[in-house]
Amino acid sequence: MALIEAFLDALWLERGASEHTLTAYRRDLEAWAARLAEGGGELLAPDAALLSAWIEERRNTGYRLRSNARLLSSLRGFYRWALAEGRIAHDPLVEVRLPRVRPNLPDTLEEDEVERLLAAPDVTTDLGLRDRAMLEVLYGCGLRVSELVGLTTDSVNLRQGVVRVRGKGDKDRLVPLGEEAVHWLSRYLRTSRGALMNDVSRPALFPGRGDNGMTRQTFWHRIKAHARTAGITRPLSPHTLRHAFATHLLNHGANLRVVQLLLGHSDLSTTQIYTHVAQARLEALHADHHPRG
């Protein structure tokens, strides 16, 4: 439908939405348009009561609360755009309430666990030194794994201590490296990168096989292997060190908007999940150590 595509184009141009996000919005809007059409309704003149009934029907057929909340968020975004474009006179969903969803707190690590993980690679080997540098940059900068493995040699400026990161929506951001990341990255570049490559003129900062950048899957396997060496048994995800980066910054008093900029989040609400993690950690500390806990 042309109207939906016009909205998605605006979403991509104005917010740099990823292909995954655009696909989710398209799926939600097309499903809503089809449901409206069943009763002779139109996308720009929906019945809010029908939406509430549809949400309830979805809930009864097994859709989770979070899925329905995402659906409503997609529809609200569309109608706010339509209102701003003058295609409708008022937002038809203004009275429809989003279901309350308890946030899924991301997996993270305590600071001592991070230290053990960072120290796990055998830095007397070229592969171990590469992995140590990757882990230090990943945690020190709060990068996504895809951002880390996509780094090139011209992405880093060791003299200034910053890295240029290409994030979601092809948006670039500059992130401080920190002293430890600079130290290990310098050591790796000086002694090991050349030993791991046949052609050092290739751009990959962290090569895998064939002088190309390491894949996300390969690095994820490396993280899990080093976690076993470090004696870490809790569940990990590819973003565990990114979550730890954000949580530890907030625990030490960092401003939420600063963390948002460092993570490359376009929306502050995405970053706010880490305030829940920090609060949960404080509550656990209080319960464990306070005499009245």
Protein backbone atom coordinates (compact mmCIF):
# COMPACT_ATOMS: atom_id res chain seq x y z
CA MET A 1 0.00 0.00 0.00
CA ALA A 2 1.40 3.35 -1.08
CA LEU A 3 0.42 5.11 2.16
CA ILE A 4 2.33 2.64 4.29
CA GLU A 5 5.37 2.86 2.02
CA ALA A 6 5.31 6.67 2.26
CA PHE A 7 5.39 6.40 6.06
CA LEU A 8 8.24 3.88 5.96
CA ASP A 9 10.22 6.12 3.62
CA ALA A 10 9.82 8.98 6.09
CA LEU A 11 10.87 6.70 8.94
CA TRP A 12 14.02 5.74 7.10
CA LEU A 13 14.90 9.27 5.99
CA GLU A 14 14.18 11.06 9.28
CA ARG A 15 15.24 8.47 11.84
CA GLY A 16 17.56 6.18 9.92
CA ALA A 17 15.43 3.17 10.84
CA SER A 18 17.04 -0.18 10.14
CA GLU A 19 15.66 -2.68 7.63
CA HIS A 20 14.59 -4.89 10.56
CA THR A 21 12.58 -2.01 12.08
CA LEU A 22 10.99 -1.13 8.74
CA THR A 23 9.99 -4.75 8.18
CA ALA A 24 8.33 -4.91 11.59
CA TYR A 25 6.41 -1.66 10.98
CA ARG A 26 5.30 -2.85 7.53
CA ARG A 27 4.08 -6.18 8.93
CA ASP A 28 2.07 -4.50 11.70
CA LEU A 29 0.51 -1.88 9.44
CA GLU A 30 -0.40 -4.33 6.71
CA ALA A 31 -2.04 -6.64 9.26
CA TRP A 32 -4.02 -3.69 10.68
CA ALA A 33 -5.09 -2.54 7.21
CA ALA A 34 -6.25 -6.07 6.37
CA ARG A 35 -8.25 -6.27 9.59
CA LEU A 36 -9.90 -2.93 8.87
CA ALA A 37 -10.73 -4.01 5.32
CA GLU A 38 -12.58 -7.06 6.64
CA GLY A 39 -15.21 -4.71 8.08
CA GLY A 40 -15.13 -2.22 5.25
CA GLY A 41 -12.93 0.22 7.18
CA GLU A 42 -10.03 2.32 5.93
CA LEU A 43 -6.54 2.84 7.29
CA LEU A 44 -6.99 6.60 7.74
CA ALA A 45 -10.42 6.24 9.38
CA PRO A 46 -10.05 3.37 11.85
CA ASP A 47 -12.41 2.36 14.63
CA ALA A 48 -10.48 2.53 17.90
CA ALA A 49 -12.94 0.06 19.45
CA LEU A 50 -12.06 -2.43 16.72
CA LEU A 51 -8.41 -2.09 17.62
CA SER A 52 -9.11 -2.81 21.28
CA ALA A 53 -11.15 -5.87 20.30
CA TRP A 54 -8.39 -7.04 17.96
CA ILE A 55 -5.76 -6.66 20.68
CA GLU A 56 -7.89 -8.74 23.04
CA GLU A 57 -8.41 -11.37 20.35
CA ARG A 58 -4.69 -11.54 19.73
CA ARG A 59 -4.06 -11.93 23.43
CA ASN A 60 -6.53 -14.83 23.62
CA THR A 61 -4.87 -16.59 20.70
CA GLY A 62 -1.41 -16.53 22.26
CA TYR A 63 0.20 -13.20 21.36
CA ARG A 64 2.31 -11.95 24.21
CA LEU A 65 1.78 -8.61 25.88
CA ARG A 66 5.04 -7.32 24.48
CA SER A 67 3.99 -8.22 20.94
CA ASN A 68 0.74 -6.30 21.29
CA ALA A 69 2.60 -3.35 22.79
CA ARG A 70 4.92 -3.30 19.79
CA LEU A 71 1.93 -3.43 17.44
CA LEU A 72 0.31 -0.45 19.15
CA SER A 73 3.58 1.44 19.06
CA SER A 74 3.81 0.86 15.28
CA LEU A 75 0.25 2.07 14.73
CA ARG A 76 0.73 5.13 16.92
CA GLY A 77 3.86 6.06 15.03
CA PHE A 78 1.97 5.81 11.75
CA TYR A 79 -0.99 7.94 12.88
CA ARG A 80 1.24 10.60 14.41
CA TRP A 81 3.02 10.84 11.07
CA ALA A 82 -0.32 11.01 9.22
CA LEU A 83 -1.47 13.80 11.55
CA ALA A 84 1.74 15.78 11.03
CA GLU A 85 1.38 15.34 7.25
CA GLY A 86 -2.19 16.65 7.32
CA ARG A 87 -3.65 13.37 6.11
CA ILE A 88 -5.94 13.11 9.14
CA ALA A 89 -7.53 15.77 11.37
CA HIS A 90 -6.90 14.01 14.68
CA ASP A 91 -5.07 10.97 16.06
CA PRO A 92 -7.66 8.17 16.20
CA LEU A 93 -5.65 6.17 18.75
CA VAL A 94 -5.08 8.99 21.23
CA GLU A 95 -7.37 7.31 23.78
CA VAL A 96 -6.04 3.80 23.26
CA ARG A 97 -3.72 2.85 26.09
CA LEU A 98 -0.63 0.78 25.63
CA PRO A 99 -0.48 -2.32 27.83
CA ARG A 100 2.06 -2.09 30.63
CA VAL A 101 5.05 -4.25 29.87
CA ARG A 102 7.65 -5.14 32.45
CA PRO A 103 11.01 -4.61 30.77
CA ASN A 104 13.18 -7.62 30.12
CA LEU A 105 16.38 -6.71 31.90
CA PRO A 106 19.41 -7.48 29.74
CA ASP A 107 22.02 -10.01 30.76
CA THR A 108 25.04 -8.28 32.22
CA LEU A 109 28.11 -9.00 34.31
CA GLU A 110 29.47 -7.72 37.60
CA GLU A 111 32.63 -5.66 37.36
CA ASP A 112 34.82 -8.42 38.77
CA GLU A 113 33.39 -10.88 36.23
CA VAL A 114 34.23 -8.46 33.42
CA GLU A 115 37.79 -8.21 34.72
CA ARG A 116 38.10 -12.01 34.71
CA LEU A 117 36.71 -12.23 31.19
CA LEU A 118 39.07 -9.55 29.88
CA ALA A 119 42.04 -11.34 31.44
CA ALA A 120 41.07 -14.77 30.04
CA PRO A 121 42.82 -14.66 26.61
CA ASP A 122 46.42 -15.89 26.50
CA VAL A 123 48.17 -12.69 25.45
CA THR A 124 51.45 -14.53 24.82
CA THR A 125 49.88 -15.65 21.53
CA ASP A 126 48.85 -13.51 18.56
CA LEU A 127 45.28 -14.82 18.65
CA GLY A 128 45.03 -14.22 22.38
CA LEU A 129 46.34 -10.68 22.05
CA ARG A 130 43.84 -10.00 19.26
CA ASP A 131 41.00 -11.31 21.43
CA ARG A 132 42.15 -9.26 24.43
CA ALA A 133 42.18 -6.10 22.30
CA MET A 134 38.72 -6.91 20.92
CA LEU A 135 37.26 -7.50 24.38
CA GLU A 136 38.80 -4.31 25.73
CA VAL A 137 37.39 -2.24 22.84
CA LEU A 138 34.01 -3.94 23.09
CA TYR A 139 33.66 -3.23 26.82
CA GLY A 140 35.55 0.06 26.87
CA CYS A 141 33.37 1.57 24.12
CA GLY A 142 30.07 -0.27 24.61
CA LEU A 143 29.96 -1.40 20.99
CA ARG A 144 27.59 -3.82 19.35
CA VAL A 145 29.44 -6.94 18.19
CA SER A 146 28.55 -6.07 14.58
CA GLU A 147 30.15 -2.65 15.08
CA LEU A 148 33.28 -4.18 16.59
CA VAL A 149 33.94 -6.70 13.82
CA GLY A 150 33.22 -4.03 11.22
CA LEU A 151 36.01 -1.72 12.43
CA THR A 152 38.79 -0.87 10.01
CA THR A 153 42.29 0.41 10.67
CA ASP A 154 41.27 3.96 9.78
CA SER A 155 38.42 3.80 12.31
CA VAL A 156 40.77 4.28 15.25
CA ASN A 157 42.86 7.25 16.28
CA LEU A 158 45.15 6.09 19.05
CA ARG A 159 46.76 9.47 19.50
CA GLN A 160 43.39 11.09 20.26
CA GLY A 161 42.06 7.94 21.93
CA VAL A 162 38.83 7.68 19.94
CA VAL A 163 37.17 5.24 17.56
CA ARG A 164 34.73 6.10 14.78
CA VAL A 165 31.86 3.64 14.80
CA ARG A 166 29.35 2.97 12.01
CA GLY A 167 26.12 2.15 13.84
CA LYS A 168 22.51 1.42 12.94
CA GLY A 169 21.11 3.39 10.04
CA ASP A 170 24.70 3.91 8.82
CA LYS A 171 25.13 6.67 11.41
CA ASP A 172 28.68 7.41 12.57
CA ARG A 173 29.63 8.33 16.12
CA LEU A 174 32.92 9.00 17.88
CA VAL A 175 33.48 7.04 21.08
CA PRO A 176 36.38 7.43 23.56
CA LEU A 177 38.55 4.32 23.78
CA GLY A 178 39.87 4.67 27.31
CA GLU A 179 43.41 3.99 28.50
CA GLU A 180 43.14 0.20 28.75
CA ALA A 181 41.63 -0.20 25.29
CA VAL A 182 44.30 2.11 23.82
CA HIS A 183 47.04 0.10 25.55
CA TRP A 184 45.88 -3.30 24.33
CA LEU A 185 44.94 -2.08 20.88
CA SER A 186 48.36 -0.44 20.45
CA ARG A 187 50.12 -3.60 21.58
CA TYR A 188 48.03 -5.75 19.23
CA LEU A 189 48.63 -3.48 16.23
CA ARG A 190 52.34 -3.31 16.96
CA THR A 191 52.98 -7.03 17.38
CA SER A 192 50.12 -9.30 16.31
CA ARG A 193 47.92 -7.94 13.54
CA GLY A 194 50.63 -8.30 10.94
CA ALA A 195 51.38 -11.83 12.09
CA LEU A 196 47.74 -12.82 11.60
CA MET A 197 47.41 -11.42 8.07
CA ASN A 198 48.83 -12.29 4.68
CA ASP A 199 48.19 -8.78 3.40
CA VAL A 200 48.40 -6.08 6.06
CA SER A 201 47.10 -3.47 3.63
CA ARG A 202 43.62 -5.00 3.94
CA PRO A 203 41.36 -2.73 6.03
CA ALA A 204 40.00 -5.14 8.66
CA LEU A 205 41.16 -4.09 12.13
CA PHE A 206 40.45 -7.53 13.58
CA PRO A 207 40.95 -10.16 10.85
CA GLY A 208 39.41 -13.59 10.82
CA ARG A 209 40.15 -15.98 8.02
CA GLY A 210 41.41 -14.79 4.66
CA ASP A 211 42.35 -11.30 5.93
CA ASN A 212 38.67 -10.33 6.07
CA GLY A 213 37.02 -8.97 9.20
CA MET A 214 36.02 -11.55 11.76
CA THR A 215 32.37 -12.62 11.64
CA ARG A 216 30.01 -11.98 14.52
CA GLN A 217 29.48 -15.71 14.93
CA THR A 218 33.20 -16.42 15.24
CA PHE A 219 33.70 -13.71 17.83
CA TRP A 220 30.68 -14.94 19.80
CA HIS A 221 32.26 -18.40 19.97
CA ARG A 222 35.50 -16.77 21.16
CA ILE A 223 33.64 -14.89 23.93
CA LYS A 224 31.99 -18.09 25.16
CA ALA A 225 35.32 -19.91 25.20
CA HIS A 226 36.98 -17.13 27.21
CA ALA A 227 34.00 -17.03 29.59
CA ARG A 228 34.54 -20.71 30.35
CA THR A 229 38.22 -20.01 31.02
CA ALA A 230 37.20 -17.17 33.36
CA GLY A 231 34.79 -19.45 35.27
CA ILE A 232 31.73 -17.42 34.29
CA THR A 233 28.67 -19.68 34.32
CA ARG A 234 25.80 -17.21 34.04
CA PRO A 235 24.03 -16.93 30.65
CA LEU A 236 25.74 -14.63 28.18
CA SER A 237 24.55 -12.94 25.01
CA PRO A 238 26.56 -11.27 22.22
CA HIS A 239 25.63 -7.91 23.80
CA THR A 240 26.60 -8.83 27.37
CA LEU A 241 29.66 -6.54 27.48
CA ARG A 242 27.68 -3.71 25.87
CA HIS A 243 25.06 -4.09 28.60
CA ALA A 244 27.81 -4.19 31.23
CA PHE A 245 29.38 -1.03 29.78
CA ALA A 246 26.10 0.92 30.12
CA THR A 247 25.16 -0.47 33.52
CA HIS A 248 28.59 0.15 35.06
CA LEU A 249 28.65 3.73 33.74
CA LEU A 250 25.28 4.44 35.37
CA ASN A 251 26.36 2.71 38.58
CA HIS A 252 29.30 5.13 38.73
CA GLY A 253 27.12 8.20 38.20
CA ALA A 254 27.18 8.77 34.44
CA ASN A 255 24.44 10.93 32.93
CA LEU A 256 21.80 8.92 31.06
CA ARG A 257 22.02 11.12 27.96
CA VAL A 258 25.78 10.68 27.84
CA VAL A 259 25.29 6.91 27.91
CA GLN A 260 22.68 7.29 25.14
CA LEU A 261 25.22 9.10 22.94
CA LEU A 262 27.96 6.57 23.63
CA LEU A 263 25.67 3.64 22.80
CA GLY A 264 24.34 5.31 19.65
CA HIS A 265 20.69 5.06 20.69
CA SER A 266 18.37 7.36 18.72
CA ASP A 267 15.74 7.24 21.47
CA LEU A 268 16.45 7.87 25.16
CA SER A 269 13.77 5.35 26.14
CA THR A 270 15.98 2.59 24.73
CA THR A 271 18.78 3.62 27.08
CA GLN A 272 16.47 3.84 30.09
CA ILE A 273 16.32 0.05 30.38
CA TYR A 274 19.76 0.27 31.99
CA THR A 275 18.39 2.39 34.82
CA HIS A 276 16.26 -0.63 35.75
CA VAL A 277 19.36 -2.83 35.72
CA ALA A 278 21.24 -0.39 37.94
CA GLN A 279 18.28 -0.11 40.32
CA ALA A 280 17.94 -3.89 40.51
CA ARG A 281 21.64 -4.13 41.38
CA LEU A 282 21.30 -1.53 44.14
CA GLU A 283 18.33 -3.35 45.61
CA ALA A 284 20.23 -6.63 45.60
CA LEU A 285 23.23 -5.02 47.31
CA HIS A 286 20.96 -3.50 49.95
CA ALA A 287 19.25 -6.84 50.60
CA ASP A 288 22.58 -8.67 50.88
CA HIS A 289 24.56 -6.21 52.98
CA HIS A 290 22.29 -3.87 54.94
CA PRO A 291 21.42 -5.03 58.46
CA ARG A 292 17.78 -4.16 57.81
CA GLY A 293 17.79 -5.58 54.29
